[in-house]
PDB file of N, CA and C in Angstrom:
ATOM      1  N   MET A   1      -6.775 -12.179   7.968  1.00  0.00           N
ATOM      2  CA  MET A   1      -7.562 -11.459   6.917  1.00  0.00           C
ATOM      3  C   MET A   1      -9.019 -11.473   7.306  1.00  0.00           C
ATOM      4  N   SER A   2      -9.663 -10.376   7.138  1.00  0.00           N
ATOM      5  CA  SER A   2     -11.113 -10.223   7.352  1.00  0.00           C
ATOM      6  C   SER A   2     -11.790  -9.796   6.047  1.00  0.00           C
ATOM      7  N   ILE A   3     -12.901 -10.468   5.767  1.00  0.00           N
ATOM      8  CA  ILE A   3     -13.657 -10.060   4.551  1.00  0.00           C
ATOM      9  C   ILE A   3     -14.750  -9.090   4.992  1.00  0.00           C
ATOM     10  N   LEU A   4     -14.678  -7.896   4.374  1.00  0.00           N
ATOM     11  CA  LEU A   4     -15.652  -6.840   4.661  1.00  0.00           C
ATOM     12  C   LEU A   4     -16.847  -6.907   3.682  1.00  0.00           C
ATOM     13  N   LEU A   5     -16.515  -7.274   2.418  1.00  0.00           N
ATOM     14  CA  LEU A   5     -17.528  -7.291   1.399  1.00  0.00           C
ATOM     15  C   LEU A   5     -17.151  -8.327   0.359  1.00  0.00           C
ATOM     16  N   ASP A   6     -18.139  -9.087  -0.122  1.00  0.00           N
ATOM     17  CA  ASP A   6     -17.911 -10.037  -1.198  1.00  0.00           C
ATOM     18  C   ASP A   6     -19.219 -10.074  -1.964  1.00  0.00           C
ATOM     19  N   HIS A   7     -19.281  -9.357  -3.095  1.00  0.00           N
ATOM     20  CA  HIS A   7     -20.564  -9.126  -3.781  1.00  0.00           C
ATOM     21  C   HIS A   7     -20.303  -9.080  -5.310  1.00  0.00           C
ATOM     22  N   ASP A   8     -20.884  -9.976  -6.037  1.00  0.00           N
ATOM     23  CA  ASP A   8     -20.821  -9.941  -7.491  1.00  0.00           C
ATOM     24  C   ASP A   8     -19.418  -9.789  -8.060  1.00  0.00           C
ATOM     25  N   GLY A   9     -18.476 -10.530  -7.444  1.00  0.00           N
ATOM     26  CA  GLY A   9     -17.084 -10.499  -7.973  1.00  0.00           C
ATOM     27  C   GLY A   9     -16.245  -9.349  -7.432  1.00  0.00           C
ATOM     28  N   VAL A  10     -16.844  -8.546  -6.607  1.00  0.00           N
ATOM     29  CA  VAL A  10     -16.099  -7.398  -5.937  1.00  0.00           C
ATOM     30  C   VAL A  10     -15.843  -7.823  -4.510  1.00  0.00           C
ATOM     31  N   ARG A  11     -14.610  -7.688  -4.081  1.00  0.00           N
ATOM     32  CA  ARG A  11     -14.210  -8.126  -2.796  1.00  0.00           C
ATOM     33  C   ARG A  11     -13.444  -7.012  -2.103  1.00  0.00           C
ATOM     34  N   LEU A  12     -13.720  -6.881  -0.800  1.00  0.00           N
ATOM     35  CA  LEU A  12     -12.988  -5.957   0.057  1.00  0.00           C
ATOM     36  C   LEU A  12     -12.553  -6.676   1.316  1.00  0.00           C
ATOM     37  N   VAL A  13     -11.247  -6.774   1.493  1.00  0.00           N
ATOM     38  CA  VAL A  13     -10.712  -7.443   2.675  1.00  0.00           C
ATOM     39  C   VAL A  13      -9.746  -6.529   3.419  1.00  0.00           C
ATOM     40  N   VAL A  14      -9.507  -6.899   4.652  1.00  0.00           N
ATOM     41  CA  VAL A  14      -8.518  -6.163   5.486  1.00  0.00           C
ATOM     42  C   VAL A  14      -7.431  -7.140   5.815  1.00  0.00           C
ATOM     43  N   GLU A  15      -6.242  -6.740   5.548  1.00  0.00           N
ATOM     44  CA  GLU A  15      -5.067  -7.577   5.926  1.00  0.00           C
ATOM     45  C   GLU A  15      -3.926  -6.644   6.319  1.00  0.00           C
ATOM     46  N   ASP A  16      -3.388  -6.866   7.495  1.00  0.00           N
ATOM     47  CA  ASP A  16      -2.245  -5.998   7.956  1.00  0.00           C
ATOM     48  C   ASP A  16      -2.507  -4.540   7.796  1.00  0.00           C
ATOM     49  N   GLN A  17      -3.625  -4.089   8.335  1.00  0.00           N
ATOM     50  CA  GLN A  17      -4.042  -2.671   8.310  1.00  0.00           C
ATOM     51  C   GLN A  17      -4.147  -2.106   6.897  1.00  0.00           C
ATOM     52  N   ALA A  18      -4.439  -2.973   5.971  1.00  0.00           N
ATOM     53  CA  ALA A  18      -4.649  -2.511   4.557  1.00  0.00           C
ATOM     54  C   ALA A  18      -6.079  -2.854   4.108  1.00  0.00           C
ATOM     55  N   LEU A  19      -6.765  -1.910   3.520  1.00  0.00           N
ATOM     56  CA  LEU A  19      -8.022  -2.176   2.782  1.00  0.00           C
ATOM     57  C   LEU A  19      -7.622  -2.617   1.405  1.00  0.00           C
ATOM     58  N   ILE A  20      -8.033  -3.832   1.050  1.00  0.00           N
ATOM     59  CA  ILE A  20      -7.632  -4.380  -0.260  1.00  0.00           C
ATOM     60  C   ILE A  20      -8.890  -4.650  -1.050  1.00  0.00           C
ATOM     61  N   ALA A  21      -9.007  -3.943  -2.161  1.00  0.00           N
ATOM     62  CA  ALA A  21     -10.189  -4.075  -3.069  1.00  0.00           C
ATOM     63  C   ALA A  21      -9.770  -4.821  -4.320  1.00  0.00           C
ATOM     64  N   SER A  22     -10.688  -5.680  -4.815  1.00  0.00           N
ATOM     65  CA  SER A  22     -10.460  -6.346  -6.055  1.00  0.00           C
ATOM     66  C   SER A  22     -11.745  -6.573  -6.772  1.00  0.00           C
ATOM     67  N   GLY A  23     -11.629  -6.801  -8.082  1.00  0.00           N
ATOM     68  CA  GLY A  23     -12.787  -6.999  -8.928  1.00  0.00           C
ATOM     69  C   GLY A  23     -13.126  -5.756  -9.731  1.00  0.00           C
ATOM     70  N   GLU A  24     -14.250  -5.780 -10.413  1.00  0.00           N
ATOM     71  CA  GLU A  24     -14.658  -4.657 -11.220  1.00  0.00           C
ATOM     72  C   GLU A  24     -15.853  -3.980 -10.592  1.00  0.00           C
ATOM     73  N   ALA A  25     -15.555  -2.966  -9.786  1.00  0.00           N
ATOM     74  CA  ALA A  25     -16.589  -2.248  -9.074  1.00  0.00           C
ATOM     75  C   ALA A  25     -17.457  -1.442 -10.057  1.00  0.00           C
ATOM     76  N   ASP A  26     -18.775  -1.550  -9.874  1.00  0.00           N
ATOM     77  CA  ASP A  26     -19.696  -0.794 -10.700  1.00  0.00           C
ATOM     78  C   ASP A  26     -20.598   0.016  -9.787  1.00  0.00           C
ATOM     79  N   PHE A  27     -21.528   0.730 -10.370  1.00  0.00           N
ATOM     80  CA  PHE A  27     -22.392   1.606  -9.577  1.00  0.00           C
ATOM     81  C   PHE A  27     -23.288   0.812  -8.623  1.00  0.00           C
ATOM     82  N   ASP A  28     -23.602  -0.467  -8.968  1.00  0.00           N
ATOM     83  CA  ASP A  28     -24.462  -1.260  -8.081  1.00  0.00           C
ATOM     84  C   ASP A  28     -23.790  -1.598  -6.750  1.00  0.00           C
ATOM     85  N   VAL A  29     -22.487  -1.639  -6.716  1.00  0.00           N
ATOM     86  CA  VAL A  29     -21.780  -2.053  -5.488  1.00  0.00           C
ATOM     87  C   VAL A  29     -20.973  -0.922  -4.877  1.00  0.00           C
ATOM     88  N   ALA A  30     -20.895   0.206  -5.582  1.00  0.00           N
ATOM     89  CA  ALA A  30     -20.054   1.332  -5.081  1.00  0.00           C
ATOM     90  C   ALA A  30     -20.389   1.773  -3.704  1.00  0.00           C
ATOM     91  N   ALA A  31     -21.657   2.002  -3.424  1.00  0.00           N
ATOM     92  CA  ALA A  31     -22.030   2.505  -2.076  1.00  0.00           C
ATOM     93  C   ALA A  31     -21.674   1.520  -1.004  1.00  0.00           C
ATOM     94  N   SER A  32     -21.915   0.228  -1.239  1.00  0.00           N
ATOM     95  CA  SER A  32     -21.590  -0.759  -0.236  1.00  0.00           C
ATOM     96  C   SER A  32     -20.077  -0.848  -0.037  1.00  0.00           C
ATOM     97  N   LEU A  33     -19.331  -0.731  -1.109  1.00  0.00           N
ATOM     98  CA  LEU A  33     -17.854  -0.789  -1.045  1.00  0.00           C
ATOM     99  C   LEU A  33     -17.328   0.374  -0.215  1.00  0.00           C
ATOM    100  N   ALA A  34     -17.824   1.569  -0.559  1.00  0.00           N
ATOM    101  CA  ALA A  34     -17.370   2.766   0.183  1.00  0.00           C
ATOM    102  C   ALA A  34     -17.755   2.693   1.661  1.00  0.00           C
ATOM    103  N   GLU A  35     -18.985   2.277   1.898  1.00  0.00           N
ATOM    104  CA  GLU A  35     -19.501   2.219   3.281  1.00  0.00           C
ATOM    105  C   GLU A  35     -18.714   1.149   4.117  1.00  0.00           C
ATOM    106  N   SER A  36     -18.492   0.010   3.532  1.00  0.00           N
ATOM    107  CA  SER A  36     -17.756  -1.057   4.253  1.00  0.00           C
ATOM    108  C   SER A  36     -16.343  -0.557   4.613  1.00  0.00           C
ATOM    109  N   GLY A  37     -15.662   0.111   3.713  1.00  0.00           N
ATOM    110  CA  GLY A  37     -14.357   0.620   3.988  1.00  0.00           C
ATOM    111  C   GLY A  37     -14.361   1.730   5.061  1.00  0.00           C
ATOM    112  N   CYS A  38     -15.356   2.625   4.949  1.00  0.00           N
ATOM    113  CA  CYS A  38     -15.430   3.715   5.909  1.00  0.00           C
ATOM    114  C   CYS A  38     -15.822   3.249   7.315  1.00  0.00           C
ATOM    115  N   GLU A  39     -16.618   2.187   7.394  1.00  0.00           N
ATOM    116  CA  GLU A  39     -16.986   1.628   8.733  1.00  0.00           C
ATOM    117  C   GLU A  39     -15.738   1.042   9.340  1.00  0.00           C
ATOM    118  N   TRP A  40     -14.918   0.343   8.571  1.00  0.00           N
ATOM    119  CA  TRP A  40     -13.672  -0.239   9.111  1.00  0.00           C
ATOM    120  C   TRP A  40     -12.739   0.901   9.548  1.00  0.00           C
ATOM    121  N   LEU A  41     -12.609   1.922   8.680  1.00  0.00           N
ATOM    122  CA  LEU A  41     -11.719   3.036   9.009  1.00  0.00           C
ATOM    123  C   LEU A  41     -12.173   3.721  10.273  1.00  0.00           C
ATOM    124  N   GLY A  42     -13.502   3.856  10.445  1.00  0.00           N
ATOM    125  CA  GLY A  42     -14.058   4.531  11.630  1.00  0.00           C
ATOM    126  C   GLY A  42     -13.817   3.792  12.914  1.00  0.00           C
ATOM    127  N   ALA A  43     -13.559   2.475  12.795  1.00  0.00           N
ATOM    128  CA  ALA A  43     -13.288   1.648  13.988  1.00  0.00           C
ATOM    129  C   ALA A  43     -11.816   1.661  14.420  1.00  0.00           C
ATOM    130  N   GLN A  44     -10.961   2.275  13.579  1.00  0.00           N
ATOM    131  CA  GLN A  44      -9.539   2.309  13.910  1.00  0.00           C
ATOM    132  C   GLN A  44      -9.217   3.411  14.902  1.00  0.00           C
ATOM    133  N   ALA A  45      -8.262   3.212  15.721  1.00  0.00           N
ATOM    134  CA  ALA A  45      -7.826   4.218  16.746  1.00  0.00           C
ATOM    135  C   ALA A  45      -7.227   5.407  16.016  1.00  0.00           C
ATOM    136  N   VAL A  46      -7.559   6.608  16.533  1.00  0.00           N
ATOM    137  CA  VAL A  46      -6.996   7.830  15.987  1.00  0.00           C
ATOM    138  C   VAL A  46      -5.483   7.710  15.949  1.00  0.00           C
ATOM    139  N   GLY A  47      -4.892   8.092  14.859  1.00  0.00           N
ATOM    140  CA  GLY A  47      -3.448   8.019  14.671  1.00  0.00           C
ATOM    141  C   GLY A  47      -2.939   6.737  14.108  1.00  0.00           C
ATOM    142  N   SER A  48      -3.823   5.730  13.912  1.00  0.00           N
ATOM    143  CA  SER A  48      -3.414   4.489  13.342  1.00  0.00           C
ATOM    144  C   SER A  48      -2.915   4.652  11.920  1.00  0.00           C
ATOM    145  N   VAL A  49      -2.048   3.798  11.485  1.00  0.00           N
ATOM    146  CA  VAL A  49      -1.514   3.790  10.134  1.00  0.00           C
ATOM    147  C   VAL A  49      -2.288   2.808   9.311  1.00  0.00           C
ATOM    148  N   VAL A  50      -2.819   3.214   8.141  1.00  0.00           N
ATOM    149  CA  VAL A  50      -3.577   2.379   7.257  1.00  0.00           C
ATOM    150  C   VAL A  50      -3.011   2.475   5.834  1.00  0.00           C
ATOM    151  N   ARG A  51      -3.335   1.457   5.040  1.00  0.00           N
ATOM    152  CA  ARG A  51      -2.977   1.463   3.602  1.00  0.00           C
ATOM    153  C   ARG A  51      -4.164   1.100   2.746  1.00  0.00           C
ATOM    154  N   PHE A  52      -4.184   1.560   1.535  1.00  0.00           N
ATOM    155  CA  PHE A  52      -5.221   1.245   0.588  1.00  0.00           C
ATOM    156  C   PHE A  52      -4.534   0.506  -0.574  1.00  0.00           C
ATOM    157  N   ASP A  53      -5.113  -0.631  -0.950  1.00  0.00           N
ATOM    158  CA  ASP A  53      -4.563  -1.397  -2.072  1.00  0.00           C
ATOM    159  C   ASP A  53      -5.671  -1.668  -3.062  1.00  0.00           C
ATOM    160  N   LEU A  54      -5.613  -0.979  -4.166  1.00  0.00           N
ATOM    161  CA  LEU A  54      -6.562  -1.139  -5.259  1.00  0.00           C
ATOM    162  C   LEU A  54      -5.856  -1.761  -6.489  1.00  0.00           C
ATOM    163  N   SER A  55      -4.799  -2.434  -6.234  1.00  0.00           N
ATOM    164  CA  SER A  55      -4.039  -3.075  -7.343  1.00  0.00           C
ATOM    165  C   SER A  55      -4.782  -4.256  -7.992  1.00  0.00           C
ATOM    166  N   GLY A  56      -5.786  -4.749  -7.304  1.00  0.00           N
ATOM    167  CA  GLY A  56      -6.633  -5.825  -7.836  1.00  0.00           C
ATOM    168  C   GLY A  56      -7.850  -5.348  -8.621  1.00  0.00           C
ATOM    169  N   VAL A  57      -7.976  -4.032  -8.781  1.00  0.00           N
ATOM    170  CA  VAL A  57      -9.066  -3.454  -9.563  1.00  0.00           C
ATOM    171  C   VAL A  57      -8.575  -3.348 -10.974  1.00  0.00           C
ATOM    172  N   ASP A  58      -9.048  -4.262 -11.795  1.00  0.00           N
ATOM    173  CA  ASP A  58      -8.492  -4.439 -13.174  1.00  0.00           C
ATOM    174  C   ASP A  58      -8.900  -3.322 -14.140  1.00  0.00           C
ATOM    175  N   ARG A  59     -10.068  -2.731 -13.961  1.00  0.00           N
ATOM    176  CA  ARG A  59     -10.613  -1.796 -14.893  1.00  0.00           C
ATOM    177  C   ARG A  59     -10.627  -0.415 -14.296  1.00  0.00           C
ATOM    178  N   ALA A  60     -10.126   0.542 -14.988  1.00  0.00           N
ATOM    179  CA  ALA A  60     -10.206   1.930 -14.506  1.00  0.00           C
ATOM    180  C   ALA A  60     -11.665   2.393 -14.623  1.00  0.00           C
ATOM    181  N   SER A  61     -12.185   2.937 -13.522  1.00  0.00           N
ATOM    182  CA  SER A  61     -13.538   3.456 -13.580  1.00  0.00           C
ATOM    183  C   SER A  61     -13.695   4.587 -12.610  1.00  0.00           C
ATOM    184  N   SER A  62     -14.647   5.466 -12.853  1.00  0.00           N
ATOM    185  CA  SER A  62     -14.887   6.560 -11.953  1.00  0.00           C
ATOM    186  C   SER A  62     -15.449   6.029 -10.608  1.00  0.00           C
ATOM    187  N   VAL A  63     -16.048   4.848 -10.650  1.00  0.00           N
ATOM    188  CA  VAL A  63     -16.534   4.259  -9.395  1.00  0.00           C
ATOM    189  C   VAL A  63     -15.386   3.911  -8.460  1.00  0.00           C
ATOM    190  N   ALA A  64     -14.402   3.218  -8.934  1.00  0.00           N
ATOM    191  CA  ALA A  64     -13.274   2.845  -8.062  1.00  0.00           C
ATOM    192  C   ALA A  64     -12.553   4.096  -7.553  1.00  0.00           C
ATOM    193  N   ILE A  65     -12.432   5.102  -8.377  1.00  0.00           N
ATOM    194  CA  ILE A  65     -11.797   6.354  -7.937  1.00  0.00           C
ATOM    195  C   ILE A  65     -12.594   7.041  -6.850  1.00  0.00           C
ATOM    196  N   SER A  66     -13.933   7.111  -7.056  1.00  0.00           N
ATOM    197  CA  SER A  66     -14.804   7.706  -6.086  1.00  0.00           C
ATOM    198  C   SER A  66     -14.750   6.978  -4.771  1.00  0.00           C
ATOM    199  N   VAL A  67     -14.724   5.662  -4.793  1.00  0.00           N
ATOM    200  CA  VAL A  67     -14.611   4.867  -3.538  1.00  0.00           C
ATOM    201  C   VAL A  67     -13.309   5.235  -2.834  1.00  0.00           C
ATOM    202  N   MET A  68     -12.194   5.241  -3.590  1.00  0.00           N
ATOM    203  CA  MET A  68     -10.906   5.577  -3.017  1.00  0.00           C
ATOM    204  C   MET A  68     -10.874   6.933  -2.382  1.00  0.00           C
ATOM    205  N   LEU A  69     -11.468   7.908  -3.053  1.00  0.00           N
ATOM    206  CA  LEU A  69     -11.515   9.283  -2.529  1.00  0.00           C
ATOM    207  C   LEU A  69     -12.385   9.334  -1.260  1.00  0.00           C
ATOM    208  N   GLU A  70     -13.453   8.549  -1.230  1.00  0.00           N
ATOM    209  CA  GLU A  70     -14.311   8.499  -0.014  1.00  0.00           C
ATOM    210  C   GLU A  70     -13.509   7.915   1.166  1.00  0.00           C
ATOM    211  N   TRP A  71     -12.779   6.845   0.875  1.00  0.00           N
ATOM    212  CA  TRP A  71     -11.931   6.263   1.941  1.00  0.00           C
ATOM    213  C   TRP A  71     -10.883   7.249   2.454  1.00  0.00           C
ATOM    214  N   LEU A  72     -10.296   8.004   1.555  1.00  0.00           N
ATOM    215  CA  LEU A  72      -9.316   8.983   1.990  1.00  0.00           C
ATOM    216  C   LEU A  72      -9.970  10.010   2.892  1.00  0.00           C
ATOM    217  N   ARG A  73     -11.171  10.467   2.471  1.00  0.00           N
ATOM    218  CA  ARG A  73     -11.896  11.412   3.333  1.00  0.00           C
ATOM    219  C   ARG A  73     -12.218  10.861   4.707  1.00  0.00           C
ATOM    220  N   CYS A  74     -12.691   9.656   4.714  1.00  0.00           N
ATOM    221  CA  CYS A  74     -13.042   9.001   6.029  1.00  0.00           C
ATOM    222  C   CYS A  74     -11.802   8.820   6.890  1.00  0.00           C
ATOM    223  N   ALA A  75     -10.710   8.466   6.297  1.00  0.00           N
ATOM    224  CA  ALA A  75      -9.488   8.219   7.096  1.00  0.00           C
ATOM    225  C   ALA A  75      -8.994   9.554   7.636  1.00  0.00           C
ATOM    226  N   ARG A  76      -9.010  10.601   6.836  1.00  0.00           N
ATOM    227  CA  ARG A  76      -8.585  11.913   7.321  1.00  0.00           C
ATOM    228  C   ARG A  76      -9.453  12.442   8.368  1.00  0.00           C
ATOM    229  N   GLU A  77     -10.765  12.271   8.274  1.00  0.00           N
ATOM    230  CA  GLU A  77     -11.717  12.716   9.282  1.00  0.00           C
ATOM    231  C   GLU A  77     -11.442  11.990  10.620  1.00  0.00           C
ATOM    232  N   ARG A  78     -11.052  10.749  10.546  1.00  0.00           N
ATOM    233  CA  ARG A  78     -10.825   9.942  11.735  1.00  0.00           C
ATOM    234  C   ARG A  78      -9.463  10.207  12.312  1.00  0.00           C
ATOM    235  N   GLY A  79      -8.607  10.917  11.612  1.00  0.00           N
ATOM    236  CA  GLY A  79      -7.241  11.213  12.103  1.00  0.00           C
ATOM    237  C   GLY A  79      -6.296  10.077  11.888  1.00  0.00           C
ATOM    238  N   LEU A  80      -6.506   9.284  10.811  1.00  0.00           N
ATOM    239  CA  LEU A  80      -5.639   8.164  10.547  1.00  0.00           C
ATOM    240  C   LEU A  80      -4.499   8.591   9.611  1.00  0.00           C
ATOM    241  N   LYS A  81      -3.419   7.926   9.696  1.00  0.00           N
ATOM    242  CA  LYS A  81      -2.290   8.189   8.823  1.00  0.00           C
ATOM    243  C   LYS A  81      -2.308   7.171   7.685  1.00  0.00           C
ATOM    244  N   ILE A  82      -2.361   7.710   6.460  1.00  0.00           N
ATOM    245  CA  ILE A  82      -2.414   6.877   5.267  1.00  0.00           C
ATOM    246  C   ILE A  82      -0.986   6.670   4.792  1.00  0.00           C
ATOM    247  N   GLU A  83      -0.497   5.446   4.997  1.00  0.00           N
ATOM    248  CA  GLU A  83       0.908   5.144   4.652  1.00  0.00           C
ATOM    249  C   GLU A  83       1.116   5.065   3.142  1.00  0.00           C
ATOM    250  N   SER A  84       0.210   4.456   2.433  1.00  0.00           N
ATOM    251  CA  SER A  84       0.406   4.301   1.041  1.00  0.00           C
ATOM    252  C   SER A  84      -0.941   3.955   0.343  1.00  0.00           C
ATOM    253  N   VAL A  85      -0.936   4.197  -0.967  1.00  0.00           N
ATOM    254  CA  VAL A  85      -2.082   3.846  -1.812  1.00  0.00           C
ATOM    255  C   VAL A  85      -1.446   3.035  -2.979  1.00  0.00           C
ATOM    256  N   ARG A  86      -1.862   1.837  -3.229  1.00  0.00           N
ATOM    257  CA  ARG A  86      -1.402   1.034  -4.357  1.00  0.00           C
ATOM    258  C   ARG A  86      -2.537   1.012  -5.395  1.00  0.00           C
ATOM    259  N   LEU A  87      -2.256   1.365  -6.599  1.00  0.00           N
ATOM    260  CA  LEU A  87      -3.264   1.404  -7.674  1.00  0.00           C
ATOM    261  C   LEU A  87      -2.849   0.423  -8.765  1.00  0.00           C
ATOM    262  N   SER A  88      -3.834  -0.142  -9.412  1.00  0.00           N
ATOM    263  CA  SER A  88      -3.585  -0.911 -10.638  1.00  0.00           C
ATOM    264  C   SER A  88      -3.081   0.069 -11.666  1.00  0.00           C
ATOM    265  N   GLU A  89      -2.452  -0.425 -12.706  1.00  0.00           N
ATOM    266  CA  GLU A  89      -1.953   0.470 -13.755  1.00  0.00           C
ATOM    267  C   GLU A  89      -3.101   1.263 -14.404  1.00  0.00           C
ATOM    268  N   PRO A  90      -4.253   0.638 -14.750  1.00  0.00           N
ATOM    269  CA  PRO A  90      -5.320   1.444 -15.313  1.00  0.00           C
ATOM    270  C   PRO A  90      -5.819   2.559 -14.401  1.00  0.00           C
ATOM    271  N   LEU A  91      -5.940   2.269 -13.113  1.00  0.00           N
ATOM    272  CA  LEU A  91      -6.386   3.312 -12.159  1.00  0.00           C
ATOM    273  C   LEU A  91      -5.326   4.477 -11.998  1.00  0.00           C
ATOM    274  N   ALA A  92      -4.071   4.087 -12.042  1.00  0.00           N
ATOM    275  CA  ALA A  92      -2.996   5.070 -11.916  1.00  0.00           C
ATOM    276  C   ALA A  92      -3.019   6.000 -13.118  1.00  0.00           C
ATOM    277  N   ARG A  93      -3.294   5.485 -14.332  1.00  0.00           N
ATOM    278  CA  ARG A  93      -3.383   6.298 -15.548  1.00  0.00           C
ATOM    279  C   ARG A  93      -4.495   7.308 -15.428  1.00  0.00           C
ATOM    280  N   VAL A  94      -5.631   6.791 -15.015  1.00  0.00           N
ATOM    281  CA  VAL A  94      -6.836   7.706 -14.901  1.00  0.00           C
ATOM    282  C   VAL A  94      -6.619   8.770 -13.857  1.00  0.00           C
ATOM    283  N   THR A  95      -6.066   8.421 -12.691  1.00  0.00           N
ATOM    284  CA  THR A  95      -5.872   9.410 -11.657  1.00  0.00           C
ATOM    285  C   THR A  95      -4.835  10.477 -12.070  1.00  0.00           C
ATOM    286  N   SER A  96      -3.843  10.019 -12.844  1.00  0.00           N
ATOM    287  CA  SER A  96      -2.830  10.948 -13.373  1.00  0.00           C
ATOM    288  C   SER A  96      -3.437  11.924 -14.399  1.00  0.00           C
ATOM    289  N   LEU A  97      -4.182  11.327 -15.371  1.00  0.00           N
ATOM    290  CA  LEU A  97      -4.806  12.173 -16.376  1.00  0.00           C
ATOM    291  C   LEU A  97      -5.805  13.220 -15.814  1.00  0.00           C
ATOM    292  N   ALA A  98      -6.462  12.809 -14.764  1.00  0.00           N
ATOM    293  CA  ALA A  98      -7.490  13.694 -14.133  1.00  0.00           C
ATOM    294  C   ALA A  98      -6.847  14.630 -13.110  1.00  0.00           C
ATOM    295  N   GLY A  99      -5.569  14.449 -12.851  1.00  0.00           N
ATOM    296  CA  GLY A  99      -4.916  15.322 -11.836  1.00  0.00           C
ATOM    297  C   GLY A  99      -5.235  14.961 -10.394  1.00  0.00           C
ATOM    298  N   ILE A 100      -5.881  13.818 -10.243  1.00  0.00           N
ATOM    299  CA  ILE A 100      -6.286  13.379  -8.881  1.00  0.00           C
ATOM    300  C   ILE A 100      -5.107  12.793  -8.140  1.00  0.00           C
ATOM    301  N   ASP A 101      -4.053  12.362  -8.859  1.00  0.00           N
ATOM    302  CA  ASP A 101      -2.901  11.792  -8.178  1.00  0.00           C
ATOM    303  C   ASP A 101      -2.287  12.767  -7.221  1.00  0.00           C
ATOM    304  N   GLN A 102      -2.463  14.033  -7.393  1.00  0.00           N
ATOM    305  CA  GLN A 102      -1.973  15.024  -6.460  1.00  0.00           C
ATOM    306  C   GLN A 102      -2.648  15.036  -5.125  1.00  0.00           C
ATOM    307  N   LEU A 103      -3.892  14.473  -5.095  1.00  0.00           N
ATOM    308  CA  LEU A 103      -4.661  14.393  -3.867  1.00  0.00           C
ATOM    309  C   LEU A 103      -4.259  13.205  -3.004  1.00  0.00           C
ATOM    310  N   LEU A 104      -3.520  12.254  -3.642  1.00  0.00           N
ATOM    311  CA  LEU A 104      -3.160  11.036  -2.909  1.00  0.00           C
ATOM    312  C   LEU A 104      -1.899  11.190  -2.123  1.00  0.00           C
ATOM    313  N   PRO A 105      -1.838  10.499  -0.998  1.00  0.00           N
ATOM    314  CA  PRO A 105      -0.602  10.587  -0.182  1.00  0.00           C
ATOM    315  C   PRO A 105       0.549   9.919  -0.928  1.00  0.00           C
ATOM    316  N   SER A 106       1.728  10.322  -0.631  1.00  0.00           N
ATOM    317  CA  SER A 106       2.931   9.673  -1.145  1.00  0.00           C
ATOM    318  C   SER A 106       3.391   8.677  -0.122  1.00  0.00           C
ATOM    319  N   PRO A 107       3.924   7.523  -0.458  1.00  0.00           N
ATOM    320  CA  PRO A 107       4.082   7.066  -1.832  1.00  0.00           C
ATOM    321  C   PRO A 107       2.845   6.428  -2.370  1.00  0.00           C
ATOM    322  N   THR A 108       2.524   6.730  -3.616  1.00  0.00           N
ATOM    323  CA  THR A 108       1.505   6.027  -4.347  1.00  0.00           C
ATOM    324  C   THR A 108       2.189   5.204  -5.410  1.00  0.00           C
ATOM    325  N   GLN A 109       1.840   3.953  -5.448  1.00  0.00           N
ATOM    326  CA  GLN A 109       2.485   3.003  -6.373  1.00  0.00           C
ATOM    327  C   GLN A 109       1.496   2.523  -7.422  1.00  0.00           C
ATOM    328  N   ALA A 110       1.942   2.461  -8.645  1.00  0.00           N
ATOM    329  CA  ALA A 110       1.147   1.836  -9.676  1.00  0.00           C
ATOM    330  C   ALA A 110       1.698   0.442  -9.814  1.00  0.00           C
ATOM    331  N   VAL A 111       0.826  -0.528  -9.825  1.00  0.00           N
ATOM    332  CA  VAL A 111       1.212  -1.938  -9.978  1.00  0.00           C
ATOM    333  C   VAL A 111       0.846  -2.402 -11.345  1.00  0.00           C
ATOM    334  N   GLY A 112       1.863  -2.831 -12.122  1.00  0.00           N
ATOM    335  CA  GLY A 112       1.549  -3.329 -13.467  1.00  0.00           C
ATOM    336  C   GLY A 112       0.659  -4.545 -13.431  1.00  0.00           C
ATOM    337  N   GLY A 113      -0.186  -4.662 -14.404  1.00  0.00           N
ATOM    338  CA  GLY A 113      -1.143  -5.754 -14.395  1.00  0.00           C
ATOM    339  C   GLY A 113      -1.316  -6.416 -15.692  1.00  0.00           C
TER     340      GLY A 113
END
């Protein structure tokens, strides 16, 4: 496991080719969170398989969704294969209501919390 970011209760780690975010991301940490994830994604070999795990993000927020969408953009630009996206139940509800779930790769899993 590698820690990419640990700031004010928000943590981003990499484990088994998965970006794993936890905590309550707010606007103060959003740019650092997105940048840390994109830097890691940019260092992966073209064609690598990656996963995103936001099941530890307890509160649904536009910040967490924006960060996830930025990671998706970075991964696609790098030519990475996104195997799955795990969302906390609150994030899954918001992405579904906003119609953003259709932008996510399948399988996308909502994890009850």
